[in-house]
Amino acid sequence: IQGEGASISLGIAWKLKKENNKNISYVFVGDGTFGRGSVYESLNMAVLYKLPYVMIVENNGIAMTTRVSENMSGDIEDRVRAFGADYIKITSDNPGEIRKQLSEKINNVRENNIPLVVEFVTNRVASHSKGDDTRTKEELAATKAAHDKASFEAYINELIEYSAACAELSMLAAEEAKLAAIEAVKAEQEYDEKYGQE
């Protein structure tokens, strides 16, 4: 059932709030699915009960074969704001930039249980399934050109740099933990030497 994930994720968010473990429930939908009733029912409940809920909308401008401009009145942000949920639009495809833009928003969900909708504006470089792409050859060629090998390689390099940074931080944290453990053992030995016989 299209959009069922929104309701399932809502139930998970409810459980996470009761457990108070600062975890977040995420659900991914497309621009076409954003017209389904279950999406709005879920947003309504998430805001009403202040649940740790994040809905990510992949907006590539085409709902299967129908352009969003032909099937959506208004826009995604207006619909989200109507429920009182937080909202952000992401147009970048750079992982580092995306992390920067989302960091504060995600933390607000985690700490304050403010539901968030993230709209990713992106492009679809192929048909939804075989032979159902209604775009012209020129439109498709332009879209593919915007996502050429160079941009893909830049994306991979960004991920590699991020992974390396995470690994370095993990090593530093491990070294700090090791030093802390050594200091704790020394402190205990000194205590035993000084007070152990009393």
C-alpha atoms as a PDB file:
ATOM      1  CA  ILE A   1       0.000   0.000   0.000  1.00  0.00           C
ATOM      2  CA  GLN A   2       1.532   3.295  -1.058  1.00  0.00           C
ATOM      3  CA  GLY A   3       2.393   5.456   1.934  1.00  0.00           C
ATOM      4  CA  GLU A   4       1.887   2.734   4.550  1.00  0.00           C
ATOM      5  CA  GLY A   5       5.400   3.326   5.842  1.00  0.00           C
ATOM      6  CA  ALA A   6       4.329   6.712   7.201  1.00  0.00           C
ATOM      7  CA  SER A   7       1.890   5.084   9.617  1.00  0.00           C
ATOM      8  CA  ILE A   8       4.246   2.265  10.587  1.00  0.00           C
ATOM      9  CA  SER A   9       7.021   4.756  11.303  1.00  0.00           C
ATOM     10  CA  LEU A  10       4.553   6.766  13.396  1.00  0.00           C
ATOM     11  CA  GLY A  11       3.917   3.754  15.620  1.00  0.00           C
ATOM     12  CA  ILE A  12       7.653   3.251  16.032  1.00  0.00           C
ATOM     13  CA  ALA A  13       8.049   6.938  16.984  1.00  0.00           C
ATOM     14  CA  TRP A  14       5.358   6.502  19.637  1.00  0.00           C
ATOM     15  CA  LYS A  15       7.268   3.563  21.153  1.00  0.00           C
ATOM     16  CA  LEU A  16      10.567   5.476  21.041  1.00  0.00           C
ATOM     17  CA  LYS A  17       9.048   8.423  22.891  1.00  0.00           C
ATOM     18  CA  LYS A  18       7.721   6.148  25.637  1.00  0.00           C
ATOM     19  CA  GLU A  19      11.175   4.583  25.973  1.00  0.00           C
ATOM     20  CA  ASN A  20      12.719   8.091  26.141  1.00  0.00           C
ATOM     21  CA  ASN A  21      15.952   6.860  24.558  1.00  0.00           C
ATOM     22  CA  LYS A  22      16.467   9.848  22.215  1.00  0.00           C
ATOM     23  CA  ASN A  23      16.133   7.695  19.107  1.00  0.00           C
ATOM     24  CA  ILE A  24      14.242   8.851  16.006  1.00  0.00           C
ATOM     25  CA  SER A  25      11.868   7.094  13.620  1.00  0.00           C
ATOM     26  CA  TYR A  26      12.490   7.854   9.935  1.00  0.00           C
ATOM     27  CA  VAL A  27      10.283   7.232   6.916  1.00  0.00           C
ATOM     28  CA  PHE A  28      11.081   7.830   3.244  1.00  0.00           C
ATOM     29  CA  VAL A  29       8.380   8.768   0.726  1.00  0.00           C
ATOM     30  CA  GLY A  30       8.289  10.225  -2.763  1.00  0.00           C
ATOM     31  CA  ASP A  31       6.563  13.338  -4.065  1.00  0.00           C
ATOM     32  CA  GLY A  32       3.749  11.199  -5.458  1.00  0.00           C
ATOM     33  CA  THR A  33       3.178   9.438  -2.147  1.00  0.00           C
ATOM     34  CA  PHE A  34       2.914  12.852  -0.498  1.00  0.00           C
ATOM     35  CA  GLY A  35      -0.604  13.003  -1.880  1.00  0.00           C
ATOM     36  CA  ARG A  36      -1.766   9.967   0.107  1.00  0.00           C
ATOM     37  CA  GLY A  37      -4.076  10.382   3.106  1.00  0.00           C
ATOM     38  CA  SER A  38      -1.932   8.205   5.386  1.00  0.00           C
ATOM     39  CA  VAL A  39       0.883  10.739   5.075  1.00  0.00           C
ATOM     40  CA  TYR A  40      -1.271  13.549   6.446  1.00  0.00           C
ATOM     41  CA  GLU A  41      -2.832  11.390   9.143  1.00  0.00           C
ATOM     42  CA  SER A  42       0.660  10.442  10.297  1.00  0.00           C
ATOM     43  CA  LEU A  43       1.926  14.038  10.281  1.00  0.00           C
ATOM     44  CA  ASN A  44      -1.120  15.131  12.253  1.00  0.00           C
ATOM     45  CA  MET A  45      -0.574  12.513  14.961  1.00  0.00           C
ATOM     46  CA  ALA A  46       3.197  13.077  15.064  1.00  0.00           C
ATOM     47  CA  VAL A  47       2.735  16.790  15.759  1.00  0.00           C
ATOM     48  CA  LEU A  48      -0.235  16.323  18.080  1.00  0.00           C
ATOM     49  CA  TYR A  49       1.670  13.926  20.348  1.00  0.00           C
ATOM     50  CA  LYS A  50       5.147  15.455  19.806  1.00  0.00           C
ATOM     51  CA  LEU A  51       6.821  12.324  18.500  1.00  0.00           C
ATOM     52  CA  PRO A  52      10.458  11.876  17.388  1.00  0.00           C
ATOM     53  CA  TYR A  53       9.461  11.526  13.758  1.00  0.00           C
ATOM     54  CA  VAL A  54      11.279  12.475  10.556  1.00  0.00           C
ATOM     55  CA  MET A  55       9.668  12.169   7.136  1.00  0.00           C
ATOM     56  CA  ILE A  56      12.040  12.412   4.186  1.00  0.00           C
ATOM     57  CA  VAL A  57      10.445  13.340   0.869  1.00  0.00           C
ATOM     58  CA  GLU A  58      12.327  12.627  -2.347  1.00  0.00           C
ATOM     59  CA  ASN A  59      10.965  15.217  -4.745  1.00  0.00           C
ATOM     60  CA  ASN A  60      12.163  14.533  -8.268  1.00  0.00           C
ATOM     61  CA  GLY A  61       9.208  16.360  -9.795  1.00  0.00           C
ATOM     62  CA  ILE A  62       7.594  13.261 -11.299  1.00  0.00           C
ATOM     63  CA  ALA A  63       5.076  10.968  -9.608  1.00  0.00           C
ATOM     64  CA  MET A  64       5.655   7.798 -11.649  1.00  0.00           C
ATOM     65  CA  THR A  65       4.743   9.361 -15.017  1.00  0.00           C
ATOM     66  CA  THR A  66       2.858  12.486 -13.904  1.00  0.00           C
ATOM     67  CA  ARG A  67       4.630  15.750 -13.239  1.00  0.00           C
ATOM     68  CA  VAL A  68       4.091  17.089  -9.731  1.00  0.00           C
ATOM     69  CA  SER A  69       2.975  20.404 -11.231  1.00  0.00           C
ATOM     70  CA  GLU A  70       0.008  18.533 -12.708  1.00  0.00           C
ATOM     71  CA  ASN A  71      -1.108  16.695  -9.561  1.00  0.00           C
ATOM     72  CA  MET A  72      -0.189  18.817  -6.527  1.00  0.00           C
ATOM     73  CA  SER A  73      -1.905  22.028  -5.480  1.00  0.00           C
ATOM     74  CA  GLY A  74       0.448  24.309  -3.545  1.00  0.00           C
ATOM     75  CA  ASP A  75       3.720  22.826  -2.382  1.00  0.00           C
ATOM     76  CA  ILE A  76       5.116  20.395   0.151  1.00  0.00           C
ATOM     77  CA  GLU A  77       6.287  23.070   2.589  1.00  0.00           C
ATOM     78  CA  ASP A  78       2.838  24.681   2.863  1.00  0.00           C
ATOM     79  CA  ARG A  79       1.245  21.322   3.559  1.00  0.00           C
ATOM     80  CA  VAL A  80       3.800  20.498   6.249  1.00  0.00           C
ATOM     81  CA  ARG A  81       3.540  23.905   7.930  1.00  0.00           C
ATOM     82  CA  ALA A  82      -0.239  23.516   8.117  1.00  0.00           C
ATOM     83  CA  PHE A  83       0.275  20.738  10.668  1.00  0.00           C
ATOM     84  CA  GLY A  84       2.860  22.683  12.645  1.00  0.00           C
ATOM     85  CA  ALA A  85       5.738  20.333  11.830  1.00  0.00           C
ATOM     86  CA  ASP A  86       9.250  21.611  11.224  1.00  0.00           C
ATOM     87  CA  TYR A  87      10.478  21.665   7.623  1.00  0.00           C
ATOM     88  CA  ILE A  88      13.636  22.068   5.584  1.00  0.00           C
ATOM     89  CA  LYS A  89      14.306  21.900   1.848  1.00  0.00           C
ATOM     90  CA  ILE A  90      17.624  20.431   0.699  1.00  0.00           C
ATOM     91  CA  THR A  91      18.817  21.174  -2.843  1.00  0.00           C
ATOM     92  CA  SER A  92      22.455  20.126  -2.411  1.00  0.00           C
ATOM     93  CA  ASP A  93      23.748  16.658  -3.282  1.00  0.00           C
ATOM     94  CA  ASN A  94      26.961  17.155  -1.293  1.00  0.00           C
ATOM     95  CA  PRO A  95      26.983  14.880   1.793  1.00  0.00           C
ATOM     96  CA  GLY A  96      29.009  17.315   3.886  1.00  0.00           C
ATOM     97  CA  GLU A  97      26.712  20.215   3.095  1.00  0.00           C
ATOM     98  CA  ILE A  98      23.635  18.089   3.775  1.00  0.00           C
ATOM     99  CA  ARG A  99      24.984  17.104   7.206  1.00  0.00           C
ATOM    100  CA  LYS A 100      25.558  20.756   8.074  1.00  0.00           C
ATOM    101  CA  GLN A 101      22.049  21.756   7.030  1.00  0.00           C
ATOM    102  CA  LEU A 102      20.343  18.921   8.867  1.00  0.00           C
ATOM    103  CA  SER A 103      22.390  18.728  12.063  1.00  0.00           C
ATOM    104  CA  GLU A 104      20.459  21.306  14.091  1.00  0.00           C
ATOM    105  CA  LYS A 105      17.083  20.168  12.763  1.00  0.00           C
ATOM    106  CA  ILE A 106      17.693  16.511  13.610  1.00  0.00           C
ATOM    107  CA  ASN A 107      18.960  17.455  17.071  1.00  0.00           C
ATOM    108  CA  ASN A 108      15.728  19.403  17.639  1.00  0.00           C
ATOM    109  CA  VAL A 109      13.733  16.260  16.862  1.00  0.00           C
ATOM    110  CA  ARG A 110      15.918  14.193  19.174  1.00  0.00           C
ATOM    111  CA  GLU A 111      15.882  16.589  22.123  1.00  0.00           C
ATOM    112  CA  ASN A 112      12.447  18.240  21.828  1.00  0.00           C
ATOM    113  CA  ASN A 113      10.312  15.729  19.907  1.00  0.00           C
ATOM    114  CA  ILE A 114       9.496  18.206  17.147  1.00  0.00           C
ATOM    115  CA  PRO A 115       8.488  16.255  14.008  1.00  0.00           C
ATOM    116  CA  LEU A 116      10.441  17.199  10.891  1.00  0.00           C
ATOM    117  CA  VAL A 117       9.851  16.869   7.164  1.00  0.00           C
ATOM    118  CA  VAL A 118      12.938  17.008   4.949  1.00  0.00           C
ATOM    119  CA  GLU A 119      12.277  17.690   1.269  1.00  0.00           C
ATOM    120  CA  PHE A 120      15.132  16.629  -0.990  1.00  0.00           C
ATOM    121  CA  VAL A 121      14.882  18.290  -4.394  1.00  0.00           C
ATOM    122  CA  THR A 122      16.525  15.884  -6.784  1.00  0.00           C
ATOM    123  CA  ASN A 123      16.384  14.562 -10.351  1.00  0.00           C
ATOM    124  CA  ARG A 124      15.338  11.235 -11.758  1.00  0.00           C
ATOM    125  CA  VAL A 125      17.859  10.072 -14.333  1.00  0.00           C
ATOM    126  CA  ALA A 126      15.821   7.120 -15.625  1.00  0.00           C
ATOM    127  CA  SER A 127      12.243   5.966 -16.018  1.00  0.00           C
ATOM    128  CA  HIS A 128      10.175   4.818 -13.045  1.00  0.00           C
ATOM    129  CA  SER A 129      10.014   1.424 -14.705  1.00  0.00           C
ATOM    130  CA  LYS A 130      10.555   0.223 -18.272  1.00  0.00           C
ATOM    131  CA  GLY A 131       9.357   2.583 -20.976  1.00  0.00           C
ATOM    132  CA  ASP A 132       7.201   4.880 -18.863  1.00  0.00           C
ATOM    133  CA  ASP A 133       9.324   8.051 -18.952  1.00  0.00           C
ATOM    134  CA  THR A 134       7.243  10.856 -20.423  1.00  0.00           C
ATOM    135  CA  ARG A 135      10.104  13.372 -20.664  1.00  0.00           C
ATOM    136  CA  THR A 136      11.593  14.368 -23.997  1.00  0.00           C
ATOM    137  CA  LYS A 137      15.000  13.060 -25.050  1.00  0.00           C
ATOM    138  CA  GLU A 138      16.405  16.549 -24.573  1.00  0.00           C
ATOM    139  CA  GLU A 139      15.097  16.802 -20.995  1.00  0.00           C
ATOM    140  CA  LEU A 140      16.456  13.390 -20.109  1.00  0.00           C
ATOM    141  CA  ALA A 141      19.860  14.161 -21.635  1.00  0.00           C
ATOM    142  CA  ALA A 142      20.105  17.403 -19.656  1.00  0.00           C
ATOM    143  CA  THR A 143      19.221  15.617 -16.426  1.00  0.00           C
ATOM    144  CA  LYS A 144      21.810  12.912 -16.999  1.00  0.00           C
ATOM    145  CA  ALA A 145      24.442  15.526 -17.866  1.00  0.00           C
ATOM    146  CA  ALA A 146      23.901  17.133 -14.462  1.00  0.00           C
ATOM    147  CA  HIS A 147      24.766  13.823 -12.822  1.00  0.00           C
ATOM    148  CA  ASP A 148      27.800  12.844 -14.852  1.00  0.00           C
ATOM    149  CA  LYS A 149      30.820  10.820 -13.819  1.00  0.00           C
ATOM    150  CA  ALA A 150      32.626  13.859 -12.383  1.00  0.00           C
ATOM    151  CA  SER A 151      29.851  14.685  -9.919  1.00  0.00           C
ATOM    152  CA  PHE A 152      29.627  11.023  -8.911  1.00  0.00           C
ATOM    153  CA  GLU A 153      33.364  10.869  -8.267  1.00  0.00           C
ATOM    154  CA  ALA A 154      33.155  14.060  -6.191  1.00  0.00           C
ATOM    155  CA  TYR A 155      30.395  12.439  -4.154  1.00  0.00           C
ATOM    156  CA  ILE A 156      32.491   9.309  -3.571  1.00  0.00           C
ATOM    157  CA  ASN A 157      35.505  11.388  -2.541  1.00  0.00           C
ATOM    158  CA  GLU A 158      33.359  13.262  -0.037  1.00  0.00           C
ATOM    159  CA  LEU A 159      32.190   9.984   1.484  1.00  0.00           C
ATOM    160  CA  ILE A 160      35.777   8.711   1.690  1.00  0.00           C
ATOM    161  CA  GLU A 161      36.907  11.881   3.456  1.00  0.00           C
ATOM    162  CA  TYR A 162      33.995  11.660   5.876  1.00  0.00           C
ATOM    163  CA  SER A 163      34.726   7.996   6.613  1.00  0.00           C
ATOM    164  CA  ALA A 164      38.395   8.794   7.224  1.00  0.00           C
ATOM    165  CA  ALA A 165      37.454  11.620   9.604  1.00  0.00           C
ATOM    166  CA  CYS A 166      35.114   9.291  11.517  1.00  0.00           C
ATOM    167  CA  ALA A 167      37.844   6.658  11.765  1.00  0.00           C
ATOM    168  CA  GLU A 168      40.300   9.249  13.076  1.00  0.00           C
ATOM    169  CA  LEU A 169      37.840  10.440  15.690  1.00  0.00           C
ATOM    170  CA  SER A 170      37.191   6.836  16.752  1.00  0.00           C
ATOM    171  CA  MET A 171      40.937   6.230  17.156  1.00  0.00           C
ATOM    172  CA  LEU A 172      41.317   9.405  19.208  1.00  0.00           C
ATOM    173  CA  ALA A 173      38.364   8.415  21.398  1.00  0.00           C
ATOM    174  CA  ALA A 174      39.835   4.938  21.897  1.00  0.00           C
ATOM    175  CA  GLU A 175      43.217   6.398  22.851  1.00  0.00           C
ATOM    176  CA  GLU A 176      41.607   8.814  25.306  1.00  0.00           C
ATOM    177  CA  ALA A 177      39.628   5.956  26.851  1.00  0.00           C
ATOM    178  CA  LYS A 178      42.823   3.911  27.184  1.00  0.00           C
ATOM    179  CA  LEU A 179      44.666   6.771  28.905  1.00  0.00           C
ATOM    180  CA  ALA A 180      41.703   7.349  31.227  1.00  0.00           C
ATOM    181  CA  ALA A 181      41.693   3.663  32.165  1.00  0.00           C
ATOM    182  CA  ILE A 182      45.432   3.736  32.917  1.00  0.00           C
ATOM    183  CA  GLU A 183      44.989   6.800  35.121  1.00  0.00           C
ATOM    184  CA  ALA A 184      42.109   5.129  36.953  1.00  0.00           C
ATOM    185  CA  VAL A 185      44.230   2.040  37.661  1.00  0.00           C
ATOM    186  CA  LYS A 186      47.112   4.208  38.913  1.00  0.00           C
ATOM    187  CA  ALA A 187      44.770   6.152  41.171  1.00  0.00           C
ATOM    188  CA  GLU A 188      43.373   2.920  42.613  1.00  0.00           C
ATOM    189  CA  GLN A 189      46.872   1.544  43.244  1.00  0.00           C
ATOM    190  CA  GLU A 190      47.909   4.757  44.985  1.00  0.00           C
ATOM    191  CA  TYR A 191      44.783   4.633  47.120  1.00  0.00           C
ATOM    192  CA  ASP A 192      45.443   1.010  48.089  1.00  0.00           C
ATOM    193  CA  GLU A 193      49.059   1.810  48.976  1.00  0.00           C
ATOM    194  CA  LYS A 194      48.005   4.721  51.150  1.00  0.00           C
ATOM    195  CA  TYR A 195      44.848   3.372  52.798  1.00  0.00           C
ATOM    196  CA  GLY A 196      44.889  -0.343  52.115  1.00  0.00           C
ATOM    197  CA  GLN A 197      46.277  -1.304  55.492  1.00  0.00           C
ATOM    198  CA  GLU A 198      43.843   0.764  57.544  1.00  0.00           C
END
